[in-house]
Amino acid sequence: MNAKLVAAAAVLLVTHLVHAQQGGAPARLEPLPEAPPPPRMAIDPALEPQITIRQRGNDKIEEFRVNGRLYMVRVTPPGGTPYVLIDHKGDGQFSQPSHGPADAHNLSVPMWVIRSF
């Protein structure tokens, strides 16, 4: 019997609140002010990679440099899948990213093409 009394009181309370909201004058809505533009981030031009695109035969070669140092080359053969060569140690020796277990000396960050246009 106590549960029925609590349920009835809850129904009456909700009904009273609904009627109280409907009975008042409609609230006056006003537009919100324009949102400020997002802050501009300062980009250090020295850290922005310089990309040089050249053709060697039918292959398209993209060279990526930071501060004049070549660190990655992407080769796109005609009708083929592009592949990447990376200078892991900074000694001018380029190799393809490894896909084996990573350790302290052989760490390769995954790079996938999510979408191309």
PDB file of N, CA and C in Angstrom:
ATOM      1  N   MET A   1       0.824  -1.181   0.000  1.00  0.00           N
ATOM      2  CA  MET A   1       0.000   0.000   0.000  1.00  0.00           C
ATOM      3  C   MET A   1       0.874   1.253   0.000  1.00  0.00           C
ATOM      4  N   ASN A   2       2.002   1.240   0.664  1.00  0.00           N
ATOM      5  CA  ASN A   2       2.892   2.382   0.737  1.00  0.00           C
ATOM      6  C   ASN A   2       3.461   2.713  -0.655  1.00  0.00           C
ATOM      7  N   ALA A   3       3.780   1.697  -1.466  1.00  0.00           N
ATOM      8  CA  ALA A   3       4.310   1.915  -2.811  1.00  0.00           C
ATOM      9  C   ALA A   3       3.261   2.581  -3.696  1.00  0.00           C
ATOM     10  N   LYS A   4       1.998   2.213  -3.521  1.00  0.00           N
ATOM     11  CA  LYS A   4       0.940   2.827  -4.317  1.00  0.00           C
ATOM     12  C   LYS A   4       0.789   4.302  -3.958  1.00  0.00           C
ATOM     13  N   LEU A   5       0.942   4.623  -2.695  1.00  0.00           N
ATOM     14  CA  LEU A   5       0.823   6.007  -2.257  1.00  0.00           C
ATOM     15  C   LEU A   5       1.960   6.861  -2.822  1.00  0.00           C
ATOM     16  N   VAL A   6       3.176   6.311  -2.850  1.00  0.00           N
ATOM     17  CA  VAL A   6       4.329   7.034  -3.395  1.00  0.00           C
ATOM     18  C   VAL A   6       4.150   7.231  -4.893  1.00  0.00           C
ATOM     19  N   ALA A   7       3.664   6.205  -5.589  1.00  0.00           N
ATOM     20  CA  ALA A   7       3.444   6.314  -7.032  1.00  0.00           C
ATOM     21  C   ALA A   7       2.373   7.349  -7.337  1.00  0.00           C
ATOM     22  N   ALA A   8       1.318   7.383  -6.570  1.00  0.00           N
ATOM     23  CA  ALA A   8       0.256   8.356  -6.801  1.00  0.00           C
ATOM     24  C   ALA A   8       0.765   9.768  -6.541  1.00  0.00           C
ATOM     25  N   ALA A   9       1.576   9.947  -5.516  1.00  0.00           N
ATOM     26  CA  ALA A   9       2.134  11.266  -5.220  1.00  0.00           C
ATOM     27  C   ALA A   9       3.065  11.718  -6.345  1.00  0.00           C
ATOM     28  N   ALA A  10       3.839  10.800  -6.909  1.00  0.00           N
ATOM     29  CA  ALA A  10       4.740  11.135  -8.011  1.00  0.00           C
ATOM     30  C   ALA A  10       3.953  11.555  -9.243  1.00  0.00           C
ATOM     31  N   VAL A  11       2.858  10.838  -9.544  1.00  0.00           N
ATOM     32  CA  VAL A  11       2.021  11.180 -10.698  1.00  0.00           C
ATOM     33  C   VAL A  11       1.410  12.561 -10.508  1.00  0.00           C
ATOM     34  N   LEU A  12       0.914  12.843  -9.310  1.00  0.00           N
ATOM     35  CA  LEU A  12       0.336  14.160  -9.045  1.00  0.00           C
ATOM     36  C   LEU A  12       1.380  15.269  -9.170  1.00  0.00           C
ATOM     37  N   LEU A  13       2.578  15.024  -8.696  1.00  0.00           N
ATOM     38  CA  LEU A  13       3.643  16.017  -8.778  1.00  0.00           C
ATOM     39  C   LEU A  13       4.009  16.310 -10.228  1.00  0.00           C
ATOM     40  N   VAL A  14       4.174  15.259 -11.025  1.00  0.00           N
ATOM     41  CA  VAL A  14       4.525  15.443 -12.434  1.00  0.00           C
ATOM     42  C   VAL A  14       3.407  16.170 -13.164  1.00  0.00           C
ATOM     43  N   THR A  15       2.139  15.797 -12.887  1.00  0.00           N
ATOM     44  CA  THR A  15       1.002  16.453 -13.532  1.00  0.00           C
ATOM     45  C   THR A  15       0.968  17.929 -13.162  1.00  0.00           C
ATOM     46  N   HIS A  16       1.224  18.245 -11.899  1.00  0.00           N
ATOM     47  CA  HIS A  16       1.228  19.627 -11.452  1.00  0.00           C
ATOM     48  C   HIS A  16       2.335  20.428 -12.160  1.00  0.00           C
ATOM     49  N   LEU A  17       3.523  19.829 -12.293  1.00  0.00           N
ATOM     50  CA  LEU A  17       4.628  20.522 -12.958  1.00  0.00           C
ATOM     51  C   LEU A  17       4.332  20.770 -14.426  1.00  0.00           C
ATOM     52  N   VAL A  18       3.719  19.799 -15.108  1.00  0.00           N
ATOM     53  CA  VAL A  18       3.387  19.962 -16.526  1.00  0.00           C
ATOM     54  C   VAL A  18       2.371  21.088 -16.691  1.00  0.00           C
ATOM     55  N   HIS A  19       1.345  21.128 -15.862  1.00  0.00           N
ATOM     56  CA  HIS A  19       0.345  22.188 -15.957  1.00  0.00           C
ATOM     57  C   HIS A  19       0.937  23.551 -15.620  1.00  0.00           C
ATOM     58  N   ALA A  20       1.874  23.597 -14.684  1.00  0.00           N
ATOM     59  CA  ALA A  20       2.486  24.868 -14.311  1.00  0.00           C
ATOM     60  C   ALA A  20       3.309  25.425 -15.461  1.00  0.00           C
ATOM     61  N   GLN A  21       3.976  24.556 -16.217  1.00  0.00           N
ATOM     62  CA  GLN A  21       4.775  25.013 -17.344  1.00  0.00           C
ATOM     63  C   GLN A  21       3.882  25.502 -18.477  1.00  0.00           C
ATOM     64  N   GLN A  22       2.768  24.858 -18.705  1.00  0.00           N
ATOM     65  CA  GLN A  22       1.900  25.222 -19.814  1.00  0.00           C
ATOM     66  C   GLN A  22       1.080  26.468 -19.514  1.00  0.00           C
ATOM     67  N   GLY A  23       0.827  26.770 -18.270  1.00  0.00           N
ATOM     68  CA  GLY A  23      -0.065  27.865 -17.923  1.00  0.00           C
ATOM     69  C   GLY A  23       0.579  29.228 -17.999  1.00  0.00           C
ATOM     70  N   GLY A  24       1.882  29.354 -17.924  1.00  0.00           N
ATOM     71  CA  GLY A  24       2.544  30.651 -17.893  1.00  0.00           C
ATOM     72  C   GLY A  24       2.622  31.273 -19.283  1.00  0.00           C
ATOM     73  N   ALA A  25       3.053  32.523 -19.331  1.00  0.00           N
ATOM     74  CA  ALA A  25       3.236  33.217 -20.603  1.00  0.00           C
ATOM     75  C   ALA A  25       4.427  32.606 -21.329  1.00  0.00           C
ATOM     76  N   PRO A  26       4.365  32.572 -22.658  1.00  0.00           N
ATOM     77  CA  PRO A  26       5.491  31.985 -23.399  1.00  0.00           C
ATOM     78  C   PRO A  26       6.759  32.813 -23.191  1.00  0.00           C
ATOM     79  N   ALA A  27       7.849  32.131 -23.038  1.00  0.00           N
ATOM     80  CA  ALA A  27       9.127  32.805 -22.824  1.00  0.00           C
ATOM     81  C   ALA A  27       9.560  33.490 -24.112  1.00  0.00           C
ATOM     82  N   ARG A  28      10.159  34.658 -23.977  1.00  0.00           N
ATOM     83  CA  ARG A  28      10.620  35.389 -25.145  1.00  0.00           C
ATOM     84  C   ARG A  28      12.023  34.875 -25.501  1.00  0.00           C
ATOM     85  N   LEU A  29      12.145  34.383 -26.700  1.00  0.00           N
ATOM     86  CA  LEU A  29      13.419  33.840 -27.152  1.00  0.00           C
ATOM     87  C   LEU A  29      14.176  34.909 -27.922  1.00  0.00           C
ATOM     88  N   GLU A  30      15.449  35.018 -27.640  1.00  0.00           N
ATOM     89  CA  GLU A  30      16.287  35.973 -28.348  1.00  0.00           C
ATOM     90  C   GLU A  30      17.468  35.232 -28.940  1.00  0.00           C
ATOM     91  N   PRO A  31      17.937  35.671 -30.113  1.00  0.00           N
ATOM     92  CA  PRO A  31      19.063  34.971 -30.741  1.00  0.00           C
ATOM     93  C   PRO A  31      20.336  35.140 -29.932  1.00  0.00           C
ATOM     94  N   LEU A  32      21.153  34.133 -29.994  1.00  0.00           N
ATOM     95  CA  LEU A  32      22.450  34.183 -29.326  1.00  0.00           C
ATOM     96  C   LEU A  32      23.416  35.035 -30.138  1.00  0.00           C
ATOM     97  N   PRO A  33      24.373  35.667 -29.497  1.00  0.00           N
ATOM     98  CA  PRO A  33      25.362  36.445 -30.261  1.00  0.00           C
ATOM     99  C   PRO A  33      26.257  35.510 -31.069  1.00  0.00           C
ATOM    100  N   GLU A  34      26.862  36.060 -32.100  1.00  0.00           N
ATOM    101  CA  GLU A  34      27.766  35.273 -32.943  1.00  0.00           C
ATOM    102  C   GLU A  34      28.926  34.729 -32.110  1.00  0.00           C
ATOM    103  N   ALA A  35      29.297  33.510 -32.385  1.00  0.00           N
ATOM    104  CA  ALA A  35      30.432  32.906 -31.681  1.00  0.00           C
ATOM    105  C   ALA A  35      31.721  33.524 -32.205  1.00  0.00           C
ATOM    106  N   PRO A  36      32.692  33.757 -31.343  1.00  0.00           N
ATOM    107  CA  PRO A  36      33.955  34.333 -31.820  1.00  0.00           C
ATOM    108  C   PRO A  36      34.709  33.302 -32.657  1.00  0.00           C
ATOM    109  N   PRO A  37      35.513  33.751 -33.607  1.00  0.00           N
ATOM    110  CA  PRO A  37      36.271  32.796 -34.423  1.00  0.00           C
ATOM    111  C   PRO A  37      37.300  32.079 -33.553  1.00  0.00           C
ATOM    112  N   PRO A  38      37.679  30.867 -33.942  1.00  0.00           N
ATOM    113  CA  PRO A  38      38.676  30.139 -33.154  1.00  0.00           C
ATOM    114  C   PRO A  38      40.014  30.878 -33.199  1.00  0.00           C
ATOM    115  N   PRO A  39      40.795  30.766 -32.150  1.00  0.00           N
ATOM    116  CA  PRO A  39      42.082  31.471 -32.140  1.00  0.00           C
ATOM    117  C   PRO A  39      43.019  30.894 -33.194  1.00  0.00           C
ATOM    118  N   ARG A  40      43.768  31.773 -33.816  1.00  0.00           N
ATOM    119  CA  ARG A  40      44.732  31.326 -34.832  1.00  0.00           C
ATOM    120  C   ARG A  40      45.971  30.798 -34.129  1.00  0.00           C
ATOM    121  N   MET A  41      46.390  29.633 -34.566  1.00  0.00           N
ATOM    122  CA  MET A  41      47.584  29.046 -33.975  1.00  0.00           C
ATOM    123  C   MET A  41      48.794  29.488 -34.788  1.00  0.00           C
ATOM    124  N   ALA A  42      49.818  29.886 -34.088  1.00  0.00           N
ATOM    125  CA  ALA A  42      51.041  30.281 -34.765  1.00  0.00           C
ATOM    126  C   ALA A  42      51.806  29.024 -35.162  1.00  0.00           C
ATOM    127  N   ILE A  43      52.086  28.896 -36.444  1.00  0.00           N
ATOM    128  CA  ILE A  43      52.816  27.739 -36.958  1.00  0.00           C
ATOM    129  C   ILE A  43      54.239  28.181 -37.259  1.00  0.00           C
ATOM    130  N   ASP A  44      55.160  27.456 -36.690  1.00  0.00           N
ATOM    131  CA  ASP A  44      56.566  27.759 -36.919  1.00  0.00           C
ATOM    132  C   ASP A  44      56.932  27.311 -38.331  1.00  0.00           C
ATOM    133  N   PRO A  45      57.278  28.239 -39.231  1.00  0.00           N
ATOM    134  CA  PRO A  45      57.596  27.835 -40.605  1.00  0.00           C
ATOM    135  C   PRO A  45      58.798  26.902 -40.683  1.00  0.00           C
ATOM    136  N   ALA A  46      59.671  26.929 -39.687  1.00  0.00           N
ATOM    137  CA  ALA A  46      60.830  26.038 -39.712  1.00  0.00           C
ATOM    138  C   ALA A  46      60.414  24.583 -39.518  1.00  0.00           C
ATOM    139  N   LEU A  47      59.266  24.343 -38.857  1.00  0.00           N
ATOM    140  CA  LEU A  47      58.815  22.971 -38.618  1.00  0.00           C
ATOM    141  C   LEU A  47      57.868  22.475 -39.707  1.00  0.00           C
ATOM    142  N   GLU A  48      57.431  23.360 -40.578  1.00  0.00           N
ATOM    143  CA  GLU A  48      56.538  22.972 -41.673  1.00  0.00           C
ATOM    144  C   GLU A  48      57.368  22.263 -42.739  1.00  0.00           C
ATOM    145  N   PRO A  49      56.973  21.046 -43.151  1.00  0.00           N
ATOM    146  CA  PRO A  49      57.785  20.336 -44.142  1.00  0.00           C
ATOM    147  C   PRO A  49      57.710  21.004 -45.517  1.00  0.00           C
ATOM    148  N   GLN A  50      58.852  21.040 -46.191  1.00  0.00           N
ATOM    149  CA  GLN A  50      58.886  21.489 -47.579  1.00  0.00           C
ATOM    150  C   GLN A  50      58.802  20.242 -48.443  1.00  0.00           C
ATOM    151  N   ILE A  51      57.890  20.257 -49.393  1.00  0.00           N
ATOM    152  CA  ILE A  51      57.661  19.087 -50.237  1.00  0.00           C
ATOM    153  C   ILE A  51      58.044  19.444 -51.667  1.00  0.00           C
ATOM    154  N   THR A  52      58.943  18.649 -52.236  1.00  0.00           N
ATOM    155  CA  THR A  52      59.364  18.813 -53.621  1.00  0.00           C
ATOM    156  C   THR A  52      58.833  17.633 -54.411  1.00  0.00           C
ATOM    157  N   ILE A  53      58.123  17.921 -55.498  1.00  0.00           N
ATOM    158  CA  ILE A  53      57.560  16.855 -56.336  1.00  0.00           C
ATOM    159  C   ILE A  53      58.286  16.870 -57.670  1.00  0.00           C
ATOM    160  N   ARG A  54      58.815  15.705 -58.053  1.00  0.00           N
ATOM    161  CA  ARG A  54      59.494  15.580 -59.344  1.00  0.00           C
ATOM    162  C   ARG A  54      59.076  14.289 -60.024  1.00  0.00           C
ATOM    163  N   GLN A  55      59.387  14.208 -61.287  1.00  0.00           N
ATOM    164  CA  GLN A  55      59.134  13.002 -62.075  1.00  0.00           C
ATOM    165  C   GLN A  55      60.472  12.364 -62.405  1.00  0.00           C
ATOM    166  N   ARG A  56      60.591  11.071 -62.192  1.00  0.00           N
ATOM    167  CA  ARG A  56      61.755  10.302 -62.620  1.00  0.00           C
ATOM    168  C   ARG A  56      61.212   9.171 -63.475  1.00  0.00           C
ATOM    169  N   GLY A  57      61.374   9.304 -64.785  1.00  0.00           N
ATOM    170  CA  GLY A  57      60.741   8.346 -65.691  1.00  0.00           C
ATOM    171  C   GLY A  57      59.236   8.519 -65.579  1.00  0.00           C
ATOM    172  N   ASN A  58      58.530   7.449 -65.270  1.00  0.00           N
ATOM    173  CA  ASN A  58      57.088   7.522 -65.059  1.00  0.00           C
ATOM    174  C   ASN A  58      56.717   7.620 -63.587  1.00  0.00           C
ATOM    175  N   ASP A  59      57.710   7.530 -62.705  1.00  0.00           N
ATOM    176  CA  ASP A  59      57.449   7.574 -61.267  1.00  0.00           C
ATOM    177  C   ASP A  59      57.328   9.019 -60.782  1.00  0.00           C
ATOM    178  N   LYS A  60      56.392   9.256 -59.881  1.00  0.00           N
ATOM    179  CA  LYS A  60      56.279  10.562 -59.211  1.00  0.00           C
ATOM    180  C   LYS A  60      56.987  10.428 -57.870  1.00  0.00           C
ATOM    181  N   ILE A  61      57.922  11.334 -57.605  1.00  0.00           N
ATOM    182  CA  ILE A  61      58.717  11.272 -56.388  1.00  0.00           C
ATOM    183  C   ILE A  61      58.449  12.537 -55.585  1.00  0.00           C
ATOM    184  N   GLU A  62      58.034  12.348 -54.315  1.00  0.00           N
ATOM    185  CA  GLU A  62      57.789  13.460 -53.409  1.00  0.00           C
ATOM    186  C   GLU A  62      58.848  13.404 -52.315  1.00  0.00           C
ATOM    187  N   GLU A  63      59.607  14.493 -52.174  1.00  0.00           N
ATOM    188  CA  GLU A  63      60.664  14.567 -51.163  1.00  0.00           C
ATOM    189  C   GLU A  63      60.201  15.496 -50.047  1.00  0.00           C
ATOM    190  N   PHE A  64      60.302  15.031 -48.814  1.00  0.00           N
ATOM    191  CA  PHE A  64      59.859  15.786 -47.647  1.00  0.00           C
ATOM    192  C   PHE A  64      61.088  16.222 -46.853  1.00  0.00           C
ATOM    193  N   ARG A  65      61.213  17.552 -46.635  1.00  0.00           N
ATOM    194  CA  ARG A  65      62.353  18.113 -45.912  1.00  0.00           C
ATOM    195  C   ARG A  65      61.865  19.004 -44.776  1.00  0.00           C
ATOM    196  N   VAL A  66      62.629  19.008 -43.681  1.00  0.00           N
ATOM    197  CA  VAL A  66      62.429  19.956 -42.592  1.00  0.00           C
ATOM    198  C   VAL A  66      63.786  20.578 -42.324  1.00  0.00           C
ATOM    199  N   ASN A  67      63.827  21.904 -42.328  1.00  0.00           N
ATOM    200  CA  ASN A  67      65.088  22.646 -42.176  1.00  0.00           C
ATOM    201  C   ASN A  67      66.116  22.210 -43.209  1.00  0.00           C
ATOM    202  N   GLY A  68      65.676  21.906 -44.402  1.00  0.00           N
ATOM    203  CA  GLY A  68      66.575  21.507 -45.478  1.00  0.00           C
ATOM    204  C   GLY A  68      67.030  20.065 -45.418  1.00  0.00           C
ATOM    205  N   ARG A  69      66.671  19.315 -44.382  1.00  0.00           N
ATOM    206  CA  ARG A  69      67.099  17.922 -44.232  1.00  0.00           C
ATOM    207  C   ARG A  69      66.034  16.984 -44.785  1.00  0.00           C
ATOM    208  N   LEU A  70      66.431  16.158 -45.756  1.00  0.00           N
ATOM    209  CA  LEU A  70      65.533  15.183 -46.367  1.00  0.00           C
ATOM    210  C   LEU A  70      65.301  14.041 -45.386  1.00  0.00           C
ATOM    211  N   TYR A  71      64.027  13.804 -45.015  1.00  0.00           N
ATOM    212  CA  TYR A  71      63.741  12.750 -44.044  1.00  0.00           C
ATOM    213  C   TYR A  71      62.795  11.682 -44.579  1.00  0.00           C
ATOM    214  N   MET A  72      62.078  11.961 -45.682  1.00  0.00           N
ATOM    215  CA  MET A  72      61.155  10.958 -46.210  1.00  0.00           C
ATOM    216  C   MET A  72      60.979  11.160 -47.703  1.00  0.00           C
ATOM    217  N   VAL A  73      60.830  10.056 -48.418  1.00  0.00           N
ATOM    218  CA  VAL A  73      60.578  10.073 -49.859  1.00  0.00           C
ATOM    219  C   VAL A  73      59.395   9.156 -50.122  1.00  0.00           C
ATOM    220  N   ARG A  74      58.419   9.667 -50.868  1.00  0.00           N
ATOM    221  CA  ARG A  74      57.281   8.837 -51.274  1.00  0.00           C
ATOM    222  C   ARG A  74      57.356   8.671 -52.788  1.00  0.00           C
ATOM    223  N   VAL A  75      57.357   7.420 -53.238  1.00  0.00           N
ATOM    224  CA  VAL A  75      57.454   7.105 -54.659  1.00  0.00           C
ATOM    225  C   VAL A  75      56.123   6.513 -55.103  1.00  0.00           C
ATOM    226  N   THR A  76      55.559   7.107 -56.160  1.00  0.00           N
ATOM    227  CA  THR A  76      54.296   6.622 -56.711  1.00  0.00           C
ATOM    228  C   THR A  76      54.541   6.154 -58.131  1.00  0.00           C
ATOM    229  N   PRO A  77      54.606   4.831 -58.352  1.00  0.00           N
ATOM    230  CA  PRO A  77      54.770   4.330 -59.713  1.00  0.00           C
ATOM    231  C   PRO A  77      53.453   4.447 -60.480  1.00  0.00           C
ATOM    232  N   PRO A  78      53.507   4.531 -61.798  1.00  0.00           N
ATOM    233  CA  PRO A  78      52.265   4.649 -62.556  1.00  0.00           C
ATOM    234  C   PRO A  78      51.429   3.384 -62.409  1.00  0.00           C
ATOM    235  N   GLY A  79      50.194   3.556 -62.002  1.00  0.00           N
ATOM    236  CA  GLY A  79      49.289   2.419 -61.851  1.00  0.00           C
ATOM    237  C   GLY A  79      49.630   1.521 -60.682  1.00  0.00           C
ATOM    238  N   GLY A  80      50.523   1.945 -59.804  1.00  0.00           N
ATOM    239  CA  GLY A  80      50.923   1.106 -58.677  1.00  0.00           C
ATOM    240  C   GLY A  80      50.610   1.751 -57.353  1.00  0.00           C
ATOM    241  N   THR A  81      50.920   1.032 -56.289  1.00  0.00           N
ATOM    242  CA  THR A  81      50.701   1.530 -54.941  1.00  0.00           C
ATOM    243  C   THR A  81      51.912   2.348 -54.500  1.00  0.00           C
ATOM    244  N   PRO A  82      51.712   3.547 -53.961  1.00  0.00           N
ATOM    245  CA  PRO A  82      52.856   4.340 -53.497  1.00  0.00           C
ATOM    246  C   PRO A  82      53.570   3.643 -52.341  1.00  0.00           C
ATOM    247  N   TYR A  83      54.870   3.851 -52.261  1.00  0.00           N
ATOM    248  CA  TYR A  83      55.624   3.344 -51.116  1.00  0.00           C
ATOM    249  C   TYR A  83      56.481   4.465 -50.560  1.00  0.00           C
ATOM    250  N   VAL A  84      56.861   4.315 -49.303  1.00  0.00           N
ATOM    251  CA  VAL A  84      57.555   5.369 -48.570  1.00  0.00           C
ATOM    252  C   VAL A  84      58.922   4.860 -48.131  1.00  0.00           C
ATOM    253  N   LEU A  85      59.929   5.724 -48.277  1.00  0.00           N
ATOM    254  CA  LEU A  85      61.267   5.447 -47.760  1.00  0.00           C
ATOM    255  C   LEU A  85      61.565   6.497 -46.698  1.00  0.00           C
ATOM    256  N   ILE A  86      62.051   6.056 -45.533  1.00  0.00           N
ATOM    257  CA  ILE A  86      62.259   6.957 -44.407  1.00  0.00           C
ATOM    258  C   ILE A  86      63.704   6.854 -43.930  1.00  0.00           C
ATOM    259  N   ASP A  87      64.272   8.026 -43.616  1.00  0.00           N
ATOM    260  CA  ASP A  87      65.600   8.089 -43.014  1.00  0.00           C
ATOM    261  C   ASP A  87      65.404   8.040 -41.502  1.00  0.00           C
ATOM    262  N   HIS A  88      65.444   6.839 -40.922  1.00  0.00           N
ATOM    263  CA  HIS A  88      65.135   6.654 -39.502  1.00  0.00           C
ATOM    264  C   HIS A  88      66.179   7.278 -38.581  1.00  0.00           C
ATOM    265  N   LYS A  89      67.457   7.177 -38.950  1.00  0.00           N
ATOM    266  CA  LYS A  89      68.532   7.614 -38.049  1.00  0.00           C
ATOM    267  C   LYS A  89      69.084   8.992 -38.400  1.00  0.00           C
ATOM    268  N   GLY A  90      68.672   9.554 -39.533  1.00  0.00           N
ATOM    269  CA  GLY A  90      69.201  10.848 -39.947  1.00  0.00           C
ATOM    270  C   GLY A  90      70.576  10.766 -40.573  1.00  0.00           C
ATOM    271  N   ASP A  91      70.970   9.561 -41.029  1.00  0.00           N
ATOM    272  CA  ASP A  91      72.295   9.378 -41.616  1.00  0.00           C
ATOM    273  C   ASP A  91      72.273   9.303 -43.140  1.00  0.00           C
ATOM    274  N   GLY A  92      71.120   9.558 -43.758  1.00  0.00           N
ATOM    275  CA  GLY A  92      71.022   9.527 -45.216  1.00  0.00           C
ATOM    276  C   GLY A  92      70.727   8.154 -45.780  1.00  0.00           C
ATOM    277  N   GLN A  93      70.577   7.143 -44.928  1.00  0.00           N
ATOM    278  CA  GLN A  93      70.249   5.797 -45.381  1.00  0.00           C
ATOM    279  C   GLN A  93      68.733   5.611 -45.288  1.00  0.00           C
ATOM    280  N   PHE A  94      68.075   5.434 -46.436  1.00  0.00           N
ATOM    281  CA  PHE A  94      66.626   5.309 -46.465  1.00  0.00           C
ATOM    282  C   PHE A  94      66.219   3.851 -46.521  1.00  0.00           C
ATOM    283  N   SER A  95      65.145   3.545 -45.804  1.00  0.00           N
ATOM    284  CA  SER A  95      64.598   2.190 -45.831  1.00  0.00           C
ATOM    285  C   SER A  95      63.091   2.284 -45.698  1.00  0.00           C
ATOM    286  N   GLN A  96      62.435   1.192 -46.073  1.00  0.00           N
ATOM    287  CA  GLN A  96      60.985   1.161 -45.914  1.00  0.00           C
ATOM    288  C   GLN A  96      60.656   0.954 -44.451  1.00  0.00           C
ATOM    289  N   PRO A  97      59.520   1.496 -43.999  1.00  0.00           N
ATOM    290  CA  PRO A  97      59.133   1.268 -42.599  1.00  0.00           C
ATOM    291  C   PRO A  97      58.967  -0.218 -42.338  1.00  0.00           C
ATOM    292  N   SER A  98      59.483  -0.665 -41.196  1.00  0.00           N
ATOM    293  CA  SER A  98      59.356  -2.085 -40.862  1.00  0.00           C
ATOM    294  C   SER A  98      57.969  -2.363 -40.315  1.00  0.00           C
ATOM    295  N   HIS A  99      57.546  -3.579 -40.481  1.00  0.00           N
ATOM    296  CA  HIS A  99      56.235  -3.987 -39.979  1.00  0.00           C
ATOM    297  C   HIS A  99      56.368  -5.071 -38.919  1.00  0.00           C
ATOM    298  N   GLY A 100      57.582  -5.251 -38.419  1.00  0.00           N
ATOM    299  CA  GLY A 100      57.809  -6.251 -37.387  1.00  0.00           C
ATOM    300  C   GLY A 100      57.604  -5.656 -36.010  1.00  0.00           C
ATOM    301  N   PRO A 101      58.006  -6.398 -34.977  1.00  0.00           N
ATOM    302  CA  PRO A 101      57.837  -5.886 -33.614  1.00  0.00           C
ATOM    303  C   PRO A 101      58.710  -4.655 -33.400  1.00  0.00           C
ATOM    304  N   ALA A 102      58.157  -3.671 -32.742  1.00  0.00           N
ATOM    305  CA  ALA A 102      58.882  -2.425 -32.498  1.00  0.00           C
ATOM    306  C   ALA A 102      59.700  -2.561 -31.219  1.00  0.00           C
ATOM    307  N   ASP A 103      60.908  -2.050 -31.266  1.00  0.00           N
ATOM    308  CA  ASP A 103      61.719  -1.965 -30.067  1.00  0.00           C
ATOM    309  C   ASP A 103      62.286  -0.544 -29.992  1.00  0.00           C
ATOM    310  N   ALA A 104      63.191  -0.302 -29.074  1.00  0.00           N
ATOM    311  CA  ALA A 104      63.695   1.055 -28.871  1.00  0.00           C
ATOM    312  C   ALA A 104      64.443   1.589 -30.086  1.00  0.00           C
ATOM    313  N   HIS A 105      65.050   0.712 -30.903  1.00  0.00           N
ATOM    314  CA  HIS A 105      65.835   1.158 -32.051  1.00  0.00           C
ATOM    315  C   HIS A 105      65.077   1.041 -33.362  1.00  0.00           C
ATOM    316  N   ASN A 106      63.946   0.419 -33.356  1.00  0.00           N
ATOM    317  CA  ASN A 106      63.224   0.165 -34.599  1.00  0.00           C
ATOM    318  C   ASN A 106      61.751   0.523 -34.401  1.00  0.00           C
ATOM    319  N   LEU A 107      61.478   1.783 -34.183  1.00  0.00           N
ATOM    320  CA  LEU A 107      60.112   2.223 -33.957  1.00  0.00           C
ATOM    321  C   LEU A 107      59.580   2.858 -35.228  1.00  0.00           C
ATOM    322  N   SER A 108      58.465   2.360 -35.717  1.00  0.00           N
ATOM    323  CA  SER A 108      57.849   2.890 -36.919  1.00  0.00           C
ATOM    324  C   SER A 108      56.421   3.291 -36.595  1.00  0.00           C
ATOM    325  N   VAL A 109      56.121   4.567 -36.777  1.00  0.00           N
ATOM    326  CA  VAL A 109      54.778   5.064 -36.515  1.00  0.00           C
ATOM    327  C   VAL A 109      53.882   4.635 -37.678  1.00  0.00           C
ATOM    328  N   PRO A 110      52.712   4.053 -37.390  1.00  0.00           N
ATOM    329  CA  PRO A 110      51.832   3.630 -38.479  1.00  0.00           C
ATOM    330  C   PRO A 110      51.375   4.817 -39.317  1.00  0.00           C
ATOM    331  N   MET A 111      51.413   4.658 -40.634  1.00  0.00           N
ATOM    332  CA  MET A 111      50.944   5.692 -41.543  1.00  0.00           C
ATOM    333  C   MET A 111      50.010   5.031 -42.549  1.00  0.00           C
ATOM    334  N   TRP A 112      48.733   5.390 -42.504  1.00  0.00           N
ATOM    335  CA  TRP A 112      47.752   4.846 -43.414  1.00  0.00           C
ATOM    336  C   TRP A 112      47.095   5.969 -44.185  1.00  0.00           C
ATOM    337  N   VAL A 113      46.687   5.687 -45.404  1.00  0.00           N
ATOM    338  CA  VAL A 113      45.882   6.626 -46.168  1.00  0.00           C
ATOM    339  C   VAL A 113      44.443   6.414 -45.740  1.00  0.00           C
ATOM    340  N   ILE A 114      43.856   7.419 -45.082  1.00  0.00           N
ATOM    341  CA  ILE A 114      42.495   7.295 -44.621  1.00  0.00           C
ATOM    342  C   ILE A 114      41.529   7.571 -45.754  1.00  0.00           C
ATOM    343  N   ARG A 115      41.803   8.619 -46.495  1.00  0.00           N
ATOM    344  CA  ARG A 115      40.935   8.970 -47.620  1.00  0.00           C
ATOM    345  C   ARG A 115      41.767   9.754 -48.601  1.00  0.00           C
ATOM    346  N   SER A 116      41.599   9.487 -49.872  1.00  0.00           N
ATOM    347  CA  SER A 116      42.283  10.264 -50.889  1.00  0.00           C
ATOM    348  C   SER A 116      41.254  10.855 -51.822  1.00  0.00           C
ATOM    349  N   PHE A 117      41.553  12.025 -52.340  1.00  0.00           N
ATOM    350  CA  PHE A 117      40.608  12.741 -53.189  1.00  0.00           C
ATOM    351  C   PHE A 117      41.095  12.779 -54.613  1.00  0.00           C
TER     352      PHE A 117
END
